[in-house]
Amino acid sequence: MENHLSQSSRFALALFLGLLAGFVFGWNLTFAVLLVAVLALDVPLRRFLPSWGLGVLL
């Protein structure tokens, strides 16, 4: 049984990550909006976050 985030939890996570991304990347609004949109469209977090995280670290 998979653990799914509720709609409000997913939105809060997307908002937090969008703000964090905006801070890290100099408030690039396009990137922050894209991140929020991707999470809001319910892209599987296990598939998206590891590749995105590795891309940021490299």
N, C-alpha and C. Protein backbone atom coordinates (compact mmCIF):
# COMPACT_ATOMS: atom_id res chain seq x y z
N MET A 1 0.85 -1.19 0.00
CA MET A 1 0.00 0.00 0.00
C MET A 1 0.89 1.24 0.00
N GLU A 2 0.68 2.08 -0.99
CA GLU A 2 1.52 3.28 -1.12
C GLU A 2 0.96 4.41 -0.26
N ASN A 3 1.86 5.25 0.18
CA ASN A 3 1.48 6.40 0.99
C ASN A 3 1.32 7.60 0.06
N HIS A 4 0.11 8.13 -0.06
CA HIS A 4 -0.16 9.27 -0.93
C HIS A 4 -0.37 10.52 -0.09
N LEU A 5 0.18 11.61 -0.56
CA LEU A 5 -0.03 12.89 0.11
C LEU A 5 -1.40 13.43 -0.23
N SER A 6 -2.04 14.09 0.72
CA SER A 6 -3.31 14.72 0.44
C SER A 6 -3.08 15.94 -0.45
N GLN A 7 -4.15 16.46 -1.02
CA GLN A 7 -4.06 17.61 -1.93
C GLN A 7 -3.42 18.81 -1.22
N SER A 8 -3.84 19.09 0.01
CA SER A 8 -3.28 20.24 0.73
C SER A 8 -1.82 20.02 1.10
N SER A 9 -1.47 18.80 1.48
CA SER A 9 -0.07 18.50 1.80
C SER A 9 0.81 18.63 0.58
N ARG A 10 0.31 18.16 -0.56
CA ARG A 10 1.06 18.25 -1.81
C ARG A 10 1.26 19.71 -2.21
N PHE A 11 0.22 20.53 -2.03
CA PHE A 11 0.33 21.95 -2.35
C PHE A 11 1.33 22.63 -1.43
N ALA A 12 1.28 22.30 -0.14
CA ALA A 12 2.22 22.90 0.82
C ALA A 12 3.65 22.51 0.49
N LEU A 13 3.86 21.24 0.13
CA LEU A 13 5.19 20.78 -0.25
C LEU A 13 5.66 21.48 -1.52
N ALA A 14 4.77 21.62 -2.50
CA ALA A 14 5.11 22.30 -3.74
C ALA A 14 5.46 23.76 -3.49
N LEU A 15 4.69 24.41 -2.63
CA LEU A 15 4.95 25.81 -2.31
C LEU A 15 6.29 25.96 -1.62
N PHE A 16 6.57 25.09 -0.65
CA PHE A 16 7.85 25.14 0.06
C PHE A 16 9.02 24.91 -0.89
N LEU A 17 8.92 23.87 -1.73
CA LEU A 17 10.00 23.59 -2.67
C LEU A 17 10.15 24.70 -3.70
N GLY A 18 9.03 25.30 -4.11
CA GLY A 18 9.09 26.42 -5.04
C GLY A 18 9.81 27.62 -4.43
N LEU A 19 9.50 27.92 -3.18
CA LEU A 19 10.17 29.03 -2.49
C LEU A 19 11.65 28.73 -2.27
N LEU A 20 11.95 27.48 -1.90
CA LEU A 20 13.34 27.07 -1.71
C LEU A 20 14.11 27.17 -3.02
N ALA A 21 13.49 26.69 -4.10
CA ALA A 21 14.14 26.77 -5.41
C ALA A 21 14.33 28.23 -5.82
N GLY A 22 13.34 29.06 -5.54
CA GLY A 22 13.46 30.48 -5.86
C GLY A 22 14.61 31.13 -5.10
N PHE A 23 14.77 30.77 -3.85
CA PHE A 23 15.87 31.31 -3.04
C PHE A 23 17.22 30.84 -3.57
N VAL A 24 17.33 29.54 -3.84
CA VAL A 24 18.60 28.97 -4.31
C VAL A 24 18.98 29.51 -5.68
N PHE A 25 18.00 29.64 -6.56
CA PHE A 25 18.29 30.05 -7.93
C PHE A 25 18.06 31.54 -8.17
N GLY A 26 18.07 32.34 -7.13
CA GLY A 26 17.95 33.79 -7.30
C GLY A 26 16.54 34.23 -7.66
N TRP A 27 15.54 33.57 -7.08
CA TRP A 27 14.14 33.91 -7.29
C TRP A 27 13.77 33.86 -8.76
N ASN A 28 14.22 32.81 -9.44
CA ASN A 28 13.82 32.59 -10.83
C ASN A 28 12.37 32.12 -10.80
N LEU A 29 11.46 33.04 -11.07
CA LEU A 29 10.03 32.77 -10.93
C LEU A 29 9.57 31.65 -11.86
N THR A 30 10.12 31.60 -13.06
CA THR A 30 9.73 30.56 -14.00
C THR A 30 10.03 29.17 -13.44
N PHE A 31 11.20 28.99 -12.86
CA PHE A 31 11.57 27.70 -12.29
C PHE A 31 10.66 27.34 -11.13
N ALA A 32 10.39 28.30 -10.26
CA ALA A 32 9.53 28.05 -9.10
C ALA A 32 8.12 27.67 -9.54
N VAL A 33 7.58 28.39 -10.51
CA VAL A 33 6.24 28.08 -11.02
C VAL A 33 6.21 26.71 -11.68
N LEU A 34 7.25 26.38 -12.43
CA LEU A 34 7.34 25.07 -13.07
C LEU A 34 7.36 23.96 -12.03
N LEU A 35 8.13 24.14 -10.97
CA LEU A 35 8.20 23.13 -9.91
C LEU A 35 6.85 22.94 -9.24
N VAL A 36 6.17 24.03 -8.93
CA VAL A 36 4.84 23.95 -8.32
C VAL A 36 3.87 23.25 -9.26
N ALA A 37 3.91 23.59 -10.55
CA ALA A 37 3.01 22.97 -11.52
C ALA A 37 3.25 21.47 -11.64
N VAL A 38 4.51 21.07 -11.67
CA VAL A 38 4.84 19.65 -11.78
C VAL A 38 4.30 18.88 -10.58
N LEU A 39 4.49 19.41 -9.38
CA LEU A 39 4.00 18.73 -8.19
C LEU A 39 2.47 18.76 -8.12
N ALA A 40 1.87 19.86 -8.55
CA ALA A 40 0.42 19.96 -8.52
C ALA A 40 -0.23 19.00 -9.51
N LEU A 41 0.47 18.69 -10.60
CA LEU A 41 -0.05 17.75 -11.59
C LEU A 41 0.17 16.31 -11.17
N ASP A 42 0.66 16.11 -9.96
CA ASP A 42 0.78 14.79 -9.36
C ASP A 42 1.75 13.88 -10.10
N VAL A 43 2.87 14.43 -10.50
CA VAL A 43 3.95 13.60 -11.04
C VAL A 43 4.49 12.77 -9.87
N PRO A 44 4.73 11.48 -10.07
CA PRO A 44 5.21 10.65 -8.96
C PRO A 44 6.47 11.22 -8.33
N LEU A 45 6.42 11.48 -7.03
CA LEU A 45 7.53 12.12 -6.34
C LEU A 45 8.78 11.24 -6.34
N ARG A 46 8.59 9.93 -6.25
CA ARG A 46 9.76 9.04 -6.22
C ARG A 46 10.54 9.10 -7.53
N ARG A 47 9.87 9.38 -8.63
CA ARG A 47 10.54 9.43 -9.93
C ARG A 47 11.15 10.81 -10.18
N PHE A 48 10.46 11.88 -9.73
CA PHE A 48 10.89 13.24 -10.05
C PHE A 48 11.99 13.75 -9.12
N LEU A 49 11.79 13.63 -7.82
CA LEU A 49 12.70 14.25 -6.86
C LEU A 49 14.13 13.70 -6.88
N PRO A 50 14.34 12.38 -6.97
CA PRO A 50 15.74 11.91 -6.99
C PRO A 50 16.54 12.46 -8.17
N SER A 51 15.95 12.47 -9.36
CA SER A 51 16.68 12.98 -10.53
C SER A 51 16.88 14.49 -10.42
N TRP A 52 15.89 15.21 -9.93
CA TRP A 52 16.01 16.65 -9.77
C TRP A 52 17.06 16.97 -8.71
N GLY A 53 17.01 16.23 -7.60
CA GLY A 53 17.97 16.46 -6.52
C GLY A 53 19.40 16.19 -6.95
N LEU A 54 19.60 15.11 -7.70
CA LEU A 54 20.95 14.80 -8.19
C LEU A 54 21.41 15.86 -9.18
N GLY A 55 20.50 16.36 -10.01
CA GLY A 55 20.85 17.41 -10.96
C GLY A 55 21.29 18.69 -10.25
N VAL A 56 20.62 19.02 -9.15
CA VAL A 56 20.97 20.21 -8.39
C VAL A 56 22.33 20.03 -7.71
N LEU A 57 22.55 18.83 -7.14
CA LEU A 57 23.82 18.59 -6.45
C LEU A 57 25.01 18.59 -7.40
N LEU A 58 24.81 18.11 -8.62
CA LEU A 58 25.90 18.09 -9.60
C LEU A 58 26.02 19.47 -10.21
